[in-house]
PDB file of all heavy atoms in Angstrom:
ATOM      1  N   TYR A   1       3.703   9.256  13.715  1.00  0.00           N
ATOM      2  CA  TYR A   1       3.909   9.254  12.275  1.00  0.00           C
ATOM      3  C   TYR A   1       5.232   8.572  11.897  1.00  0.00           C
ATOM      4  O   TYR A   1       5.293   7.837  10.899  1.00  0.00           O
ATOM      5  CB  TYR A   1       3.887  10.680  11.731  1.00  0.00           C
ATOM      6  CG  TYR A   1       3.755  10.735  10.232  1.00  0.00           C
ATOM      7  CD1 TYR A   1       2.494  10.789   9.618  1.00  0.00           C
ATOM      8  CD2 TYR A   1       4.907  10.768   9.390  1.00  0.00           C
ATOM      9  CE1 TYR A   1       2.425  10.787   8.218  1.00  0.00           C
ATOM     10  CE2 TYR A   1       4.815  10.839   8.044  1.00  0.00           C
ATOM     11  CZ  TYR A   1       3.566  10.836   7.462  1.00  0.00           C
ATOM     12  OH  TYR A   1       3.436  10.846   6.068  1.00  0.00           O
ATOM     13  N   ALA A   2       6.253   8.785  12.720  1.00  0.00           N
ATOM     14  CA  ALA A   2       7.561   8.151  12.472  1.00  0.00           C
ATOM     15  C   ALA A   2       7.395   6.601  12.554  1.00  0.00           C
ATOM     16  O   ALA A   2       8.014   5.878  11.746  1.00  0.00           O
ATOM     17  CB  ALA A   2       8.598   8.655  13.517  1.00  0.00           C
ATOM     18  N   PHE A   3       6.595   6.111  13.511  1.00  0.00           N
ATOM     19  CA  PHE A   3       6.406   4.638  13.561  1.00  0.00           C
ATOM     20  C   PHE A   3       5.631   4.145  12.336  1.00  0.00           C
ATOM     21  O   PHE A   3       5.957   3.097  11.777  1.00  0.00           O
ATOM     22  CB  PHE A   3       5.588   4.321  14.803  1.00  0.00           C
ATOM     23  CG  PHE A   3       5.207   2.833  14.884  1.00  0.00           C
ATOM     24  CD1 PHE A   3       6.195   1.849  14.973  1.00  0.00           C
ATOM     25  CD2 PHE A   3       3.860   2.470  14.786  1.00  0.00           C
ATOM     26  CE1 PHE A   3       5.806   0.506  15.044  1.00  0.00           C
ATOM     27  CE2 PHE A   3       3.527   1.108  14.829  1.00  0.00           C
ATOM     28  CZ  PHE A   3       4.514   0.171  14.954  1.00  0.00           C
ATOM     29  N   ARG A   4       4.639   4.947  11.930  1.00  0.00           N
ATOM     30  CA  ARG A   4       3.949   4.546  10.692  1.00  0.00           C
ATOM     31  C   ARG A   4       4.906   4.511   9.501  1.00  0.00           C
ATOM     32  O   ARG A   4       4.877   3.554   8.657  1.00  0.00           O
ATOM     33  CB  ARG A   4       2.767   5.480  10.420  1.00  0.00           C
ATOM     34  CG  ARG A   4       1.824   4.928   9.344  1.00  0.00           C
ATOM     35  CD  ARG A   4       0.574   5.762   9.252  1.00  0.00           C
ATOM     36  NE  ARG A   4       0.793   6.978   8.542  1.00  0.00           N
ATOM     37  CZ  ARG A   4      -0.168   7.679   7.936  1.00  0.00           C
ATOM     38  NH1 ARG A   4      -1.432   7.296   7.975  1.00  0.00           N
ATOM     39  NH2 ARG A   4       0.081   8.805   7.313  1.00  0.00           N
ATOM     40  N   ALA A   5       5.744   5.461   9.427  1.00  0.00           N
ATOM     41  CA  ALA A   5       6.748   5.460   8.373  1.00  0.00           C
ATOM     42  C   ALA A   5       7.715   4.282   8.441  1.00  0.00           C
ATOM     43  O   ALA A   5       8.095   3.698   7.393  1.00  0.00           O
ATOM     44  CB  ALA A   5       7.542   6.780   8.357  1.00  0.00           C
ATOM     45  N   TYR A   6       8.012   3.899   9.630  1.00  0.00           N
ATOM     46  CA  TYR A   6       8.870   2.728   9.870  1.00  0.00           C
ATOM     47  C   TYR A   6       8.156   1.499   9.263  1.00  0.00           C
ATOM     48  O   TYR A   6       8.779   0.642   8.584  1.00  0.00           O
ATOM     49  CB  TYR A   6       9.147   2.534  11.354  1.00  0.00           C
ATOM     50  CG  TYR A   6       9.718   1.201  11.742  1.00  0.00           C
ATOM     51  CD1 TYR A   6      10.993   0.834  11.318  1.00  0.00           C
ATOM     52  CD2 TYR A   6       8.988   0.338  12.559  1.00  0.00           C
ATOM     53  CE1 TYR A   6      11.530  -0.391  11.687  1.00  0.00           C
ATOM     54  CE2 TYR A   6       9.519  -0.877  12.951  1.00  0.00           C
ATOM     55  CZ  TYR A   6      10.800  -1.268  12.507  1.00  0.00           C
ATOM     56  OH  TYR A   6      11.348  -2.469  12.884  1.00  0.00           O
ATOM     57  N   LEU A   7       6.864   1.322   9.566  1.00  0.00           N
ATOM     58  CA  LEU A   7       6.094   0.196   8.991  1.00  0.00           C
ATOM     59  C   LEU A   7       6.091   0.252   7.439  1.00  0.00           C
ATOM     60  O   LEU A   7       6.427  -0.733   6.807  1.00  0.00           O
ATOM     61  CB  LEU A   7       4.684   0.219   9.471  1.00  0.00           C
ATOM     62  CG  LEU A   7       4.378   0.033  10.978  1.00  0.00           C
ATOM     63  CD1 LEU A   7       2.878   0.099  11.271  1.00  0.00           C
ATOM     64  CD2 LEU A   7       4.925  -1.346  11.448  1.00  0.00           C
ATOM     65  N   PHE A   8       5.800   1.462   6.949  1.00  0.00           N
ATOM     66  CA  PHE A   8       5.701   1.602   5.450  1.00  0.00           C
ATOM     67  C   PHE A   8       7.096   1.284   4.834  1.00  0.00           C
ATOM     68  O   PHE A   8       7.161   0.625   3.782  1.00  0.00           O
ATOM     69  CB  PHE A   8       5.352   3.018   5.089  1.00  0.00           C
ATOM     70  CG  PHE A   8       3.911   3.378   5.389  1.00  0.00           C
ATOM     71  CD1 PHE A   8       3.113   2.601   6.173  1.00  0.00           C
ATOM     72  CD2 PHE A   8       3.358   4.562   4.899  1.00  0.00           C
ATOM     73  CE1 PHE A   8       1.806   2.903   6.474  1.00  0.00           C
ATOM     74  CE2 PHE A   8       2.036   4.927   5.160  1.00  0.00           C
ATOM     75  CZ  PHE A   8       1.264   4.072   5.961  1.00  0.00           C
ATOM     76  N   ASN A   9       8.174   1.830   5.388  1.00  0.00           N
ATOM     77  CA  ASN A   9       9.509   1.633   4.791  1.00  0.00           C
ATOM     78  C   ASN A   9       9.910   0.156   4.840  1.00  0.00           C
ATOM     79  O   ASN A   9      10.516  -0.374   3.898  1.00  0.00           O
ATOM     80  CB  ASN A   9      10.532   2.432   5.549  1.00  0.00           C
ATOM     81  CG  ASN A   9      10.346   3.921   5.293  1.00  0.00           C
ATOM     82  OD1 ASN A   9       9.765   4.361   4.321  1.00  0.00           O
ATOM     83  ND2 ASN A   9      10.860   4.692   6.227  1.00  0.00           N
ATOM     84  N   THR A  10       9.512  -0.523   5.882  1.00  0.00           N
ATOM     85  CA  THR A  10       9.837  -1.984   6.018  1.00  0.00           C
ATOM     86  C   THR A  10       9.079  -2.771   4.986  1.00  0.00           C
ATOM     87  O   THR A  10       9.603  -3.609   4.247  1.00  0.00           O
ATOM     88  CB  THR A  10       9.516  -2.464   7.391  1.00  0.00           C
ATOM     89  OG1 THR A  10      10.240  -1.720   8.380  1.00  0.00           O
ATOM     90  CG2 THR A  10       9.851  -3.958   7.580  1.00  0.00           C
ATOM     91  N   TRP A  11       7.764  -2.471   4.880  1.00  0.00           N
ATOM     92  CA  TRP A  11       6.964  -3.189   3.867  1.00  0.00           C
ATOM     93  C   TRP A  11       7.525  -2.945   2.412  1.00  0.00           C
ATOM     94  O   TRP A  11       7.618  -3.871   1.638  1.00  0.00           O
ATOM     95  CB  TRP A  11       5.506  -2.742   3.924  1.00  0.00           C
ATOM     96  CG  TRP A  11       4.802  -3.302   5.080  1.00  0.00           C
ATOM     97  CD1 TRP A  11       4.942  -4.516   5.698  1.00  0.00           C
ATOM     98  CD2 TRP A  11       3.660  -2.652   5.815  1.00  0.00           C
ATOM     99  NE1 TRP A  11       4.046  -4.674   6.776  1.00  0.00           N
ATOM    100  CE2 TRP A  11       3.297  -3.573   6.824  1.00  0.00           C
ATOM    101  CE3 TRP A  11       3.049  -1.416   5.735  1.00  0.00           C
ATOM    102  CZ2 TRP A  11       2.226  -3.269   7.769  1.00  0.00           C
ATOM    103  CZ3 TRP A  11       2.044  -1.130   6.630  1.00  0.00           C
ATOM    104  CH2 TRP A  11       1.657  -2.009   7.635  1.00  0.00           C
ATOM    105  N   ARG A  12       7.795  -1.679   2.100  1.00  0.00           N
ATOM    106  CA  ARG A  12       8.329  -1.334   0.811  1.00  0.00           C
ATOM    107  C   ARG A  12       9.595  -2.033   0.508  1.00  0.00           C
ATOM    108  O   ARG A  12       9.863  -2.528  -0.591  1.00  0.00           O
ATOM    109  CB  ARG A  12       8.474   0.149   0.674  1.00  0.00           C
ATOM    110  CG  ARG A  12       7.164   0.925   0.449  1.00  0.00           C
ATOM    111  CD  ARG A  12       7.447   2.350  -0.056  1.00  0.00           C
ATOM    112  NE  ARG A  12       6.186   3.004  -0.307  1.00  0.00           N
ATOM    113  CZ  ARG A  12       5.535   3.789   0.529  1.00  0.00           C
ATOM    114  NH1 ARG A  12       6.078   4.073   1.699  1.00  0.00           N
ATOM    115  NH2 ARG A  12       4.372   4.379   0.174  1.00  0.00           N
ATOM    116  N   ARG A  13      10.537  -2.049   1.488  1.00  0.00           N
ATOM    117  CA  ARG A  13      11.835  -2.639   1.326  1.00  0.00           C
ATOM    118  C   ARG A  13      11.728  -4.124   0.933  1.00  0.00           C
ATOM    119  O   ARG A  13      12.382  -4.591   0.003  1.00  0.00           O
ATOM    120  CB  ARG A  13      12.660  -2.477   2.657  1.00  0.00           C
ATOM    121  CG  ARG A  13      14.065  -2.847   2.508  1.00  0.00           C
ATOM    122  CD  ARG A  13      14.863  -2.299   3.684  1.00  0.00           C
ATOM    123  NE  ARG A  13      14.411  -2.737   4.968  1.00  0.00           N
ATOM    124  CZ  ARG A  13      13.834  -1.957   5.885  1.00  0.00           C
ATOM    125  NH1 ARG A  13      13.667  -0.658   5.678  1.00  0.00           N
ATOM    126  NH2 ARG A  13      13.458  -2.426   7.089  1.00  0.00           N
ATOM    127  N   VAL A  14      10.894  -4.842   1.677  1.00  0.00           N
ATOM    128  CA  VAL A  14      10.721  -6.302   1.395  1.00  0.00           C
ATOM    129  C   VAL A  14      10.029  -6.490   0.042  1.00  0.00           C
ATOM    130  O   VAL A  14      10.411  -7.376  -0.734  1.00  0.00           O
ATOM    131  CB  VAL A  14      10.001  -6.983   2.551  1.00  0.00           C
ATOM    132  CG1 VAL A  14       9.790  -8.474   2.269  1.00  0.00           C
ATOM    133  CG2 VAL A  14      10.701  -6.830   3.853  1.00  0.00           C
ATOM    134  N   ALA A  15       8.955  -5.732  -0.219  1.00  0.00           N
ATOM    135  CA  ALA A  15       8.205  -5.861  -1.459  1.00  0.00           C
ATOM    136  C   ALA A  15       9.172  -5.619  -2.666  1.00  0.00           C
ATOM    137  O   ALA A  15       9.088  -6.335  -3.670  1.00  0.00           O
ATOM    138  CB  ALA A  15       7.047  -4.930  -1.531  1.00  0.00           C
ATOM    139  N   HIS A  16      10.037  -4.629  -2.586  1.00  0.00           N
ATOM    140  CA  HIS A  16      10.955  -4.340  -3.667  1.00  0.00           C
ATOM    141  C   HIS A  16      11.942  -5.505  -3.831  1.00  0.00           C
ATOM    142  O   HIS A  16      12.316  -5.751  -4.979  1.00  0.00           O
ATOM    143  CB  HIS A  16      11.677  -3.017  -3.385  1.00  0.00           C
ATOM    144  CG  HIS A  16      10.796  -1.854  -3.563  1.00  0.00           C
ATOM    145  ND1 HIS A  16      11.018  -0.655  -2.933  1.00  0.00           N
ATOM    146  CD2 HIS A  16       9.670  -1.612  -4.299  1.00  0.00           C
ATOM    147  CE1 HIS A  16      10.113   0.256  -3.268  1.00  0.00           C
ATOM    148  NE2 HIS A  16       9.267  -0.306  -4.089  1.00  0.00           N
ATOM    149  N   ARG A  17      12.368  -6.124  -2.715  1.00  0.00           N
ATOM    150  CA  ARG A  17      13.311  -7.243  -2.858  1.00  0.00           C
ATOM    151  C   ARG A  17      12.646  -8.370  -3.590  1.00  0.00           C
ATOM    152  O   ARG A  17      13.355  -9.151  -4.304  1.00  0.00           O
ATOM    153  CB  ARG A  17      13.685  -7.706  -1.451  1.00  0.00           C
ATOM    154  CG  ARG A  17      14.684  -6.862  -0.727  1.00  0.00           C
ATOM    155  CD  ARG A  17      15.566  -7.646   0.224  1.00  0.00           C
ATOM    156  NE  ARG A  17      14.812  -8.378   1.251  1.00  0.00           N
ATOM    157  CZ  ARG A  17      14.650  -7.902   2.490  1.00  0.00           C
ATOM    158  NH1 ARG A  17      15.173  -6.725   2.856  1.00  0.00           N
ATOM    159  NH2 ARG A  17      13.972  -8.591   3.357  1.00  0.00           N
ATOM    160  N   TYR A  18      11.323  -8.490  -3.569  1.00  0.00           N
ATOM    161  CA  TYR A  18      10.586  -9.561  -4.263  1.00  0.00           C
ATOM    162  C   TYR A  18      10.185  -9.127  -5.645  1.00  0.00           C
ATOM    163  O   TYR A  18       9.469  -9.880  -6.319  1.00  0.00           O
ATOM    164  CB  TYR A  18       9.381  -9.970  -3.426  1.00  0.00           C
ATOM    165  CG  TYR A  18       9.694 -11.008  -2.401  1.00  0.00           C
ATOM    166  CD1 TYR A  18      10.448 -10.717  -1.222  1.00  0.00           C
ATOM    167  CD2 TYR A  18       9.232 -12.342  -2.509  1.00  0.00           C
ATOM    168  CE1 TYR A  18      10.722 -11.648  -0.286  1.00  0.00           C
ATOM    169  CE2 TYR A  18       9.463 -13.303  -1.567  1.00  0.00           C
ATOM    170  CZ  TYR A  18      10.254 -12.948  -0.455  1.00  0.00           C
ATOM    171  OH  TYR A  18      10.523 -13.912   0.496  1.00  0.00           O
ATOM    172  N   GLY A  19      10.539  -7.946  -6.105  1.00  0.00           N
ATOM    173  CA  GLY A  19      10.195  -7.559  -7.434  1.00  0.00           C
ATOM    174  C   GLY A  19       8.817  -6.991  -7.598  1.00  0.00           C
ATOM    175  O   GLY A  19       8.277  -6.983  -8.750  1.00  0.00           O
ATOM    176  N   PHE A  20       8.143  -6.556  -6.551  1.00  0.00           N
ATOM    177  CA  PHE A  20       6.814  -6.015  -6.629  1.00  0.00           C
ATOM    178  C   PHE A  20       6.898  -4.496  -6.854  1.00  0.00           C
ATOM    179  O   PHE A  20       7.852  -3.801  -6.459  1.00  0.00           O
ATOM    180  CB  PHE A  20       6.066  -6.237  -5.301  1.00  0.00           C
ATOM    181  CG  PHE A  20       5.489  -7.618  -5.132  1.00  0.00           C
ATOM    182  CD1 PHE A  20       6.352  -8.698  -5.012  1.00  0.00           C
ATOM    183  CD2 PHE A  20       4.150  -7.860  -5.110  1.00  0.00           C
ATOM    184  CE1 PHE A  20       5.851  -9.998  -4.922  1.00  0.00           C
ATOM    185  CE2 PHE A  20       3.626  -9.077  -4.965  1.00  0.00           C
ATOM    186  CZ  PHE A  20       4.475 -10.223  -4.874  1.00  0.00           C
ATOM    187  N   VAL A  21       5.894  -3.943  -7.560  1.00  0.00           N
ATOM    188  CA  VAL A  21       5.814  -2.567  -7.861  1.00  0.00           C
ATOM    189  C   VAL A  21       4.566  -1.959  -7.192  1.00  0.00           C
ATOM    190  O   VAL A  21       3.561  -2.655  -6.964  1.00  0.00           O
ATOM    191  CB  VAL A  21       5.787  -2.246  -9.372  1.00  0.00           C
ATOM    192  CG1 VAL A  21       7.077  -2.665 -10.006  1.00  0.00           C
ATOM    193  CG2 VAL A  21       4.631  -2.919 -10.104  1.00  0.00           C
ATOM    194  N   GLU A  22       4.593  -0.684  -6.852  1.00  0.00           N
ATOM    195  CA  GLU A  22       3.540  -0.035  -6.082  1.00  0.00           C
ATOM    196  C   GLU A  22       2.450   0.566  -6.946  1.00  0.00           C
ATOM    197  O   GLU A  22       2.715   1.097  -8.041  1.00  0.00           O
ATOM    198  CB  GLU A  22       4.152   1.007  -5.203  1.00  0.00           C
ATOM    199  CG  GLU A  22       3.283   1.499  -4.075  1.00  0.00           C
ATOM    200  CD  GLU A  22       4.030   2.257  -2.983  1.00  0.00           C
ATOM    201  OE1 GLU A  22       5.242   2.442  -3.121  1.00  0.00           O
ATOM    202  OE2 GLU A  22       3.380   2.569  -1.947  1.00  0.00           O
ATOM    203  N   TRP A  23       1.238   0.503  -6.416  1.00  0.00           N
ATOM    204  CA  TRP A  23       0.062   1.091  -7.143  1.00  0.00           C
ATOM    205  C   TRP A  23      -0.810   1.748  -6.092  1.00  0.00           C
ATOM    206  O   TRP A  23      -0.564   1.613  -4.868  1.00  0.00           O
ATOM    207  CB  TRP A  23      -0.732   0.005  -7.880  1.00  0.00           C
ATOM    208  CG  TRP A  23      -1.376  -0.993  -6.942  1.00  0.00           C
ATOM    209  CD1 TRP A  23      -0.779  -2.058  -6.333  1.00  0.00           C
ATOM    210  CD2 TRP A  23      -2.723  -0.999  -6.512  1.00  0.00           C
ATOM    211  NE1 TRP A  23      -1.652  -2.710  -5.546  1.00  0.00           N
ATOM    212  CE2 TRP A  23      -2.933  -2.078  -5.640  1.00  0.00           C
ATOM    213  CE3 TRP A  23      -3.820  -0.209  -6.829  1.00  0.00           C
ATOM    214  CZ2 TRP A  23      -4.104  -2.407  -5.063  1.00  0.00           C
ATOM    215  CZ3 TRP A  23      -5.064  -0.509  -6.213  1.00  0.00           C
ATOM    216  CH2 TRP A  23      -5.185  -1.613  -5.337  1.00  0.00           C
ATOM    217  N   GLU A  24      -1.825   2.504  -6.529  1.00  0.00           N
ATOM    218  CA  GLU A  24      -2.762   3.081  -5.585  1.00  0.00           C
ATOM    219  C   GLU A  24      -4.108   3.200  -6.257  1.00  0.00           C
ATOM    220  O   GLU A  24      -4.236   3.213  -7.471  1.00  0.00           O
ATOM    221  CB  GLU A  24      -2.241   4.470  -5.110  1.00  0.00           C
ATOM    222  CG  GLU A  24      -3.078   5.204  -4.084  1.00  0.00           C
ATOM    223  CD  GLU A  24      -3.371   4.406  -2.851  1.00  0.00           C
ATOM    224  OE1 GLU A  24      -4.209   3.457  -2.953  1.00  0.00           O
ATOM    225  OE2 GLU A  24      -2.791   4.691  -1.797  1.00  0.00           O
ATOM    226  N   ALA A  25      -5.173   3.345  -5.401  1.00  0.00           N
ATOM    227  CA  ALA A  25      -6.571   3.481  -5.877  1.00  0.00           C
ATOM    228  C   ALA A  25      -7.188   4.603  -5.156  1.00  0.00           C
ATOM    229  O   ALA A  25      -6.735   5.106  -4.118  1.00  0.00           O
ATOM    230  CB  ALA A  25      -7.293   2.150  -5.594  1.00  0.00           C
ATOM    231  N   PRO A  26      -8.384   5.071  -5.638  1.00  0.00           N
ATOM    232  CA  PRO A  26      -9.110   6.089  -4.893  1.00  0.00           C
ATOM    233  C   PRO A  26      -9.556   5.627  -3.544  1.00  0.00           C
ATOM    234  O   PRO A  26      -9.803   4.465  -3.362  1.00  0.00           O
ATOM    235  CB  PRO A  26     -10.352   6.392  -5.812  1.00  0.00           C
ATOM    236  CG  PRO A  26      -9.977   5.856  -7.189  1.00  0.00           C
ATOM    237  CD  PRO A  26      -9.036   4.671  -6.891  1.00  0.00           C
ATOM    238  N   THR A  27      -9.666   6.568  -2.602  1.00  0.00           N
ATOM    239  CA  THR A  27     -10.147   6.262  -1.241  1.00  0.00           C
ATOM    240  C   THR A  27     -11.642   5.951  -1.310  1.00  0.00           C
ATOM    241  O   THR A  27     -12.134   5.244  -0.440  1.00  0.00           O
ATOM    242  CB  THR A  27      -9.842   7.380  -0.291  1.00  0.00           C
ATOM    243  OG1 THR A  27      -8.476   7.694  -0.374  1.00  0.00           O
ATOM    244  CG2 THR A  27     -10.229   7.017   1.127  1.00  0.00           C
ATOM    245  N   VAL A  28     -12.350   6.518  -2.277  1.00  0.00           N
ATOM    246  CA  VAL A  28     -13.791   6.363  -2.409  1.00  0.00           C
ATOM    247  C   VAL A  28     -14.134   5.605  -3.681  1.00  0.00           C
ATOM    248  O   VAL A  28     -13.563   5.968  -4.725  1.00  0.00           O
ATOM    249  CB  VAL A  28     -14.532   7.700  -2.384  1.00  0.00           C
ATOM    250  CG1 VAL A  28     -16.041   7.553  -2.593  1.00  0.00           C
ATOM    251  CG2 VAL A  28     -14.254   8.444  -1.012  1.00  0.00           C
ATOM    252  N   GLU A  29     -14.970   4.614  -3.584  1.00  0.00           N
ATOM    253  CA  GLU A  29     -15.420   3.897  -4.767  1.00  0.00           C
ATOM    254  C   GLU A  29     -16.884   3.733  -4.789  1.00  0.00           C
ATOM    255  O   GLU A  29     -17.600   3.991  -3.823  1.00  0.00           O
ATOM    256  CB  GLU A  29     -14.798   2.433  -4.767  1.00  0.00           C
ATOM    257  CG  GLU A  29     -13.258   2.420  -4.868  1.00  0.00           C
ATOM    258  CD  GLU A  29     -12.733   2.224  -6.285  1.00  0.00           C
ATOM    259  OE1 GLU A  29     -13.554   2.588  -7.234  1.00  0.00           O
ATOM    260  OE2 GLU A  29     -11.627   1.815  -6.489  1.00  0.00           O
ATOM    261  N   ALA A  30     -17.434   3.366  -5.946  1.00  0.00           N
ATOM    262  CA  ALA A  30     -18.847   3.038  -6.023  1.00  0.00           C
ATOM    263  C   ALA A  30     -19.209   1.874  -5.074  1.00  0.00           C
ATOM    264  O   ALA A  30     -18.455   0.854  -5.128  1.00  0.00           O
ATOM    265  CB  ALA A  30     -19.226   2.745  -7.493  1.00  0.00           C
ATOM    266  N   THR A  31     -20.230   1.969  -4.342  1.00  0.00           N
ATOM    267  CA  THR A  31     -20.581   0.932  -3.414  1.00  0.00           C
ATOM    268  C   THR A  31     -20.789  -0.451  -4.091  1.00  0.00           C
ATOM    269  O   THR A  31     -20.440  -1.465  -3.545  1.00  0.00           O
ATOM    270  CB  THR A  31     -21.914   1.312  -2.612  1.00  0.00           C
ATOM    271  OG1 THR A  31     -21.596   2.509  -1.906  1.00  0.00           O
ATOM    272  CG2 THR A  31     -22.275   0.193  -1.610  1.00  0.00           C
ATOM    273  N   GLU A  32     -21.287  -0.404  -5.297  1.00  0.00           N
ATOM    274  CA  GLU A  32     -21.542  -1.641  -6.033  1.00  0.00           C
ATOM    275  C   GLU A  32     -20.344  -2.527  -6.210  1.00  0.00           C
ATOM    276  O   GLU A  32     -20.389  -3.722  -6.239  1.00  0.00           O
ATOM    277  CB  GLU A  32     -22.107  -1.294  -7.438  1.00  0.00           C
ATOM    278  CG  GLU A  32     -22.508  -2.510  -8.243  1.00  0.00           C
ATOM    279  CD  GLU A  32     -22.922  -2.152  -9.633  1.00  0.00           C
ATOM    280  OE1 GLU A  32     -22.914  -1.009  -9.966  1.00  0.00           O
ATOM    281  OE2 GLU A  32     -23.352  -3.061 -10.388  1.00  0.00           O
ATOM    282  N   LEU A  33     -19.151  -1.868  -6.245  1.00  0.00           N
ATOM    283  CA  LEU A  33     -17.861  -2.571  -6.367  1.00  0.00           C
ATOM    284  C   LEU A  33     -17.697  -3.531  -5.206  1.00  0.00           C
ATOM    285  O   LEU A  33     -17.201  -4.671  -5.420  1.00  0.00           O
ATOM    286  CB  LEU A  33     -16.703  -1.603  -6.427  1.00  0.00           C
ATOM    287  CG  LEU A  33     -15.335  -2.210  -6.581  1.00  0.00           C
ATOM    288  CD1 LEU A  33     -15.182  -2.800  -7.985  1.00  0.00           C
ATOM    289  CD2 LEU A  33     -14.279  -1.140  -6.326  1.00  0.00           C
ATOM    290  N   TYR A  34     -18.125  -3.159  -4.019  1.00  0.00           N
ATOM    291  CA  TYR A  34     -17.929  -4.011  -2.839  1.00  0.00           C
ATOM    292  C   TYR A  34     -19.038  -4.981  -2.651  1.00  0.00           C
ATOM    293  O   TYR A  34     -18.871  -6.010  -1.964  1.00  0.00           O
ATOM    294  CB  TYR A  34     -17.741  -3.161  -1.597  1.00  0.00           C
ATOM    295  CG  TYR A  34     -16.602  -2.169  -1.738  1.00  0.00           C
ATOM    296  CD1 TYR A  34     -16.813  -0.801  -1.787  1.00  0.00           C
ATOM    297  CD2 TYR A  34     -15.299  -2.595  -1.862  1.00  0.00           C
ATOM    298  CE1 TYR A  34     -15.785   0.099  -1.967  1.00  0.00           C
ATOM    299  CE2 TYR A  34     -14.247  -1.729  -2.019  1.00  0.00           C
ATOM    300  CZ  TYR A  34     -14.475  -0.362  -2.105  1.00  0.00           C
ATOM    301  OH  TYR A  34     -13.450   0.505  -2.272  1.00  0.00           O
ATOM    302  N   LEU A  35     -20.229  -4.696  -3.161  1.00  0.00           N
ATOM    303  CA  LEU A  35     -21.354  -5.590  -3.049  1.00  0.00           C
ATOM    304  C   LEU A  35     -21.372  -6.670  -4.021  1.00  0.00           C
ATOM    305  O   LEU A  35     -22.061  -7.709  -3.884  1.00  0.00           O
ATOM    306  CB  LEU A  35     -22.658  -4.747  -3.094  1.00  0.00           C
ATOM    307  CG  LEU A  35     -22.845  -3.639  -2.082  1.00  0.00           C
ATOM    308  CD1 LEU A  35     -24.228  -3.018  -2.287  1.00  0.00           C
ATOM    309  CD2 LEU A  35     -22.725  -4.210  -0.687  1.00  0.00           C
TER     310      LEU A  35
END
């Protein structure tokens, strides 16, 4: 889990340097969305 957090923290750090903001979506979607 610590390694995963290391990946996450690195990605967030660089994204923030570029002026990106974070969002999230549901883990489950209507299948039609992908088809």
